[in-house]
Amino acid sequence: MALKLRALLIAPVRGYGRGLMSVTGHLFGAEKFDELEKMFKYVMKISIFTTLVVMIAFIFLREYAFSIFSITGMENEIFWIAIGGTVLMVLTPVSMISAKMLDGFGKSMYSLMFTIIRIIFEVALIVLLVNTISNGACVLIGICCGQLLSSIITIYS
């Protein structure tokens, strides 16, 4: 359920990233680096804005969103974990758009390396937290912290 909901919430950002990847290759090949920088900043801004709008809409329409996936009577603790995960999704555009930019440059290996680092970090954190946190919250915390780490690494590399 969490993966379906996450996929639904980040679908617009994924589309922006695919579009940016094509434009990046064109601008990089034409050596239009100023336009490339402007395009990256523009796509980053619109991605973060869209994610914020989707996040706010999800918080207000949460009962409907959960009913799409046939979830009724959600426990209060799990509900707040889901809301927390949704709020932390604002970090998604930073790593996703940066990764697509690397793909557009033809540096997919770096993008893959960042993804592998993020997954290893997420799994390690989940394993460490599984005995101390119940109700699957360790999975959400691991994924959110992994996304944060991935965003920091990609933005500073």
Protein backbone atom coordinates (compact mmCIF):
# COMPACT_ATOMS: atom_id res chain seq x y z
CA MET A 1 0.00 0.00 0.00
CA ALA A 2 2.75 2.44 0.91
CA LEU A 3 4.53 1.90 -2.39
CA LYS A 4 1.33 2.46 -4.38
CA LEU A 5 0.59 5.63 -2.47
CA ARG A 6 4.17 6.88 -2.85
CA ALA A 7 4.11 6.16 -6.59
CA LEU A 8 0.90 8.13 -6.93
CA LEU A 9 2.29 11.10 -5.01
CA ILE A 10 5.60 11.32 -6.91
CA ALA A 11 4.21 10.68 -10.40
CA PRO A 12 4.38 14.38 -11.41
CA VAL A 13 8.02 14.66 -10.29
CA ARG A 14 8.90 11.52 -12.21
CA GLY A 15 7.40 13.10 -15.34
CA TYR A 16 9.33 16.33 -14.83
CA GLY A 17 12.52 14.31 -14.42
CA ARG A 18 12.00 12.42 -17.66
CA GLY A 19 11.40 15.66 -19.53
CA LEU A 20 14.48 17.25 -17.97
CA MET A 21 16.62 14.28 -18.96
CA SER A 22 15.86 14.85 -22.65
CA VAL A 23 16.38 18.60 -22.50
CA THR A 24 19.61 18.15 -20.51
CA GLY A 25 21.13 16.00 -23.23
CA HIS A 26 20.21 18.55 -25.87
CA LEU A 27 21.50 21.60 -23.96
CA PHE A 28 24.65 19.81 -22.79
CA GLY A 29 25.47 18.72 -26.35
CA ALA A 30 24.88 22.25 -27.63
CA GLU A 31 27.11 23.60 -24.84
CA LYS A 32 24.38 25.91 -23.57
CA PHE A 33 25.40 25.67 -19.94
CA ASP A 34 23.63 28.85 -18.79
CA GLU A 35 20.33 27.58 -20.15
CA LEU A 36 21.04 24.19 -18.61
CA GLU A 37 21.47 25.75 -15.17
CA LYS A 38 18.28 27.81 -15.58
CA MET A 39 16.37 24.70 -16.70
CA PHE A 40 17.61 22.67 -13.72
CA LYS A 41 16.60 25.39 -11.24
CA TYR A 42 13.22 25.83 -12.92
CA VAL A 43 12.44 22.11 -12.89
CA MET A 44 13.60 21.84 -9.28
CA LYS A 45 11.32 24.71 -8.22
CA ILE A 46 8.29 23.40 -10.08
CA SER A 47 8.91 19.87 -8.74
CA ILE A 48 9.11 21.04 -5.14
CA PHE A 49 6.03 23.24 -5.62
CA THR A 50 4.07 20.36 -7.16
CA THR A 51 5.14 18.02 -4.38
CA LEU A 52 4.01 20.55 -1.77
CA VAL A 53 0.62 20.92 -3.47
CA VAL A 54 0.17 17.16 -3.72
CA MET A 55 1.27 16.73 -0.10
CA ILE A 56 -1.20 19.34 1.18
CA ALA A 57 -3.98 17.87 -0.96
CA PHE A 58 -3.19 14.41 0.41
CA ILE A 59 -3.36 15.64 4.01
CA PHE A 60 -6.78 17.22 3.44
CA LEU A 61 -8.12 14.35 1.30
CA ARG A 62 -6.47 11.55 3.29
CA GLU A 63 -9.67 9.60 3.96
CA TYR A 64 -10.41 9.48 0.24
CA ALA A 65 -6.79 8.64 -0.61
CA PHE A 66 -6.72 5.76 1.85
CA SER A 67 -10.10 4.51 0.63
CA ILE A 68 -8.70 4.19 -2.91
CA PHE A 69 -6.47 1.44 -1.56
CA SER A 70 -9.29 -0.11 0.49
CA ILE A 71 -7.88 0.94 3.83
CA THR A 72 -10.54 1.48 6.44
CA GLY A 73 -10.18 2.01 10.15
CA MET A 74 -6.50 2.86 10.05
CA GLU A 75 -4.87 2.98 13.46
CA ASN A 76 -4.03 6.47 14.62
CA GLU A 77 -0.30 5.70 14.96
CA ILE A 78 -0.02 4.35 11.41
CA PHE A 79 -2.04 7.29 10.11
CA TRP A 80 0.43 9.81 11.58
CA ILE A 81 3.36 7.80 10.27
CA ALA A 82 1.80 8.01 6.79
CA ILE A 83 1.30 11.77 7.17
CA GLY A 84 4.92 12.16 8.33
CA GLY A 85 6.14 10.18 5.34
CA THR A 86 4.07 12.35 3.03
CA VAL A 87 5.52 15.54 4.51
CA LEU A 88 9.06 14.19 4.07
CA MET A 89 8.30 13.50 0.40
CA VAL A 90 9.20 17.14 -0.26
CA LEU A 91 12.78 15.80 -0.40
CA THR A 92 11.97 13.51 -3.33
CA PRO A 93 12.42 16.11 -6.10
CA VAL A 94 15.93 16.97 -4.96
CA SER A 95 17.28 13.47 -5.45
CA MET A 96 15.03 12.45 -8.35
CA ILE A 97 15.59 15.56 -10.48
CA SER A 98 19.34 15.52 -9.75
CA ALA A 99 19.51 11.86 -10.78
CA LYS A 100 17.68 12.58 -14.05
CA MET A 101 20.06 15.45 -14.70
CA LEU A 102 22.99 13.04 -14.35
CA ASP A 103 21.23 10.65 -16.74
CA GLY A 104 20.86 13.49 -19.24
CA PHE A 105 24.60 14.16 -19.03
CA GLY A 106 25.24 10.50 -19.80
CA LYS A 107 26.43 9.88 -16.24
CA SER A 108 23.91 7.18 -15.39
CA MET A 109 26.55 5.23 -13.50
CA TYR A 110 26.71 8.00 -10.85
CA SER A 111 22.94 8.04 -10.60
CA LEU A 112 22.95 4.28 -10.12
CA MET A 113 25.70 4.56 -7.50
CA PHE A 114 23.64 7.09 -5.50
CA THR A 115 20.60 4.82 -5.72
CA ILE A 116 22.59 1.82 -4.45
CA ILE A 117 23.99 3.87 -1.55
CA ARG A 118 20.47 5.02 -0.65
CA ILE A 119 19.07 1.48 -0.71
CA ILE A 120 21.91 0.09 1.42
CA PHE A 121 21.41 2.90 3.93
CA GLU A 122 17.63 2.34 4.02
CA VAL A 123 17.93 -1.41 4.55
CA ALA A 124 20.60 -0.99 7.24
CA LEU A 125 18.49 1.57 9.10
CA ILE A 126 15.39 -0.62 8.87
CA VAL A 127 17.30 -3.61 10.24
CA LEU A 128 18.65 -1.50 13.11
CA LEU A 129 15.22 -0.07 13.99
CA VAL A 130 13.06 -3.18 13.54
CA ASN A 131 13.51 -4.35 17.13
CA THR A 132 12.91 -0.95 18.73
CA ILE A 133 10.01 0.46 16.70
CA SER A 134 6.79 -1.45 16.06
CA ASN A 135 3.99 -1.23 13.49
CA GLY A 136 6.29 -0.93 10.48
CA ALA A 137 7.33 2.59 11.38
CA CYS A 138 10.96 1.51 10.99
CA VAL A 139 10.35 0.99 7.26
CA LEU A 140 8.97 4.49 6.80
CA ILE A 141 11.74 6.03 8.90
CA GLY A 142 14.38 4.08 6.95
CA ILE A 143 12.96 5.17 3.60
CA CYS A 144 12.62 8.82 4.66
CA CYS A 145 16.15 8.96 6.09
CA GLY A 146 17.45 7.24 2.96
CA GLN A 147 15.72 9.84 0.81
CA LEU A 148 17.25 12.60 2.93
CA LEU A 149 20.74 11.09 2.60
CA SER A 150 20.28 10.66 -1.14
CA SER A 151 19.15 14.26 -1.51
CA ILE A 152 22.13 15.57 0.42
CA ILE A 153 24.62 13.45 -1.54
CA THR A 154 23.21 14.31 -4.97
CA ILE A 155 22.86 18.04 -4.32
CA TYR A 156 26.46 18.36 -3.03
CA SER A 157 28.11 16.19 -5.67
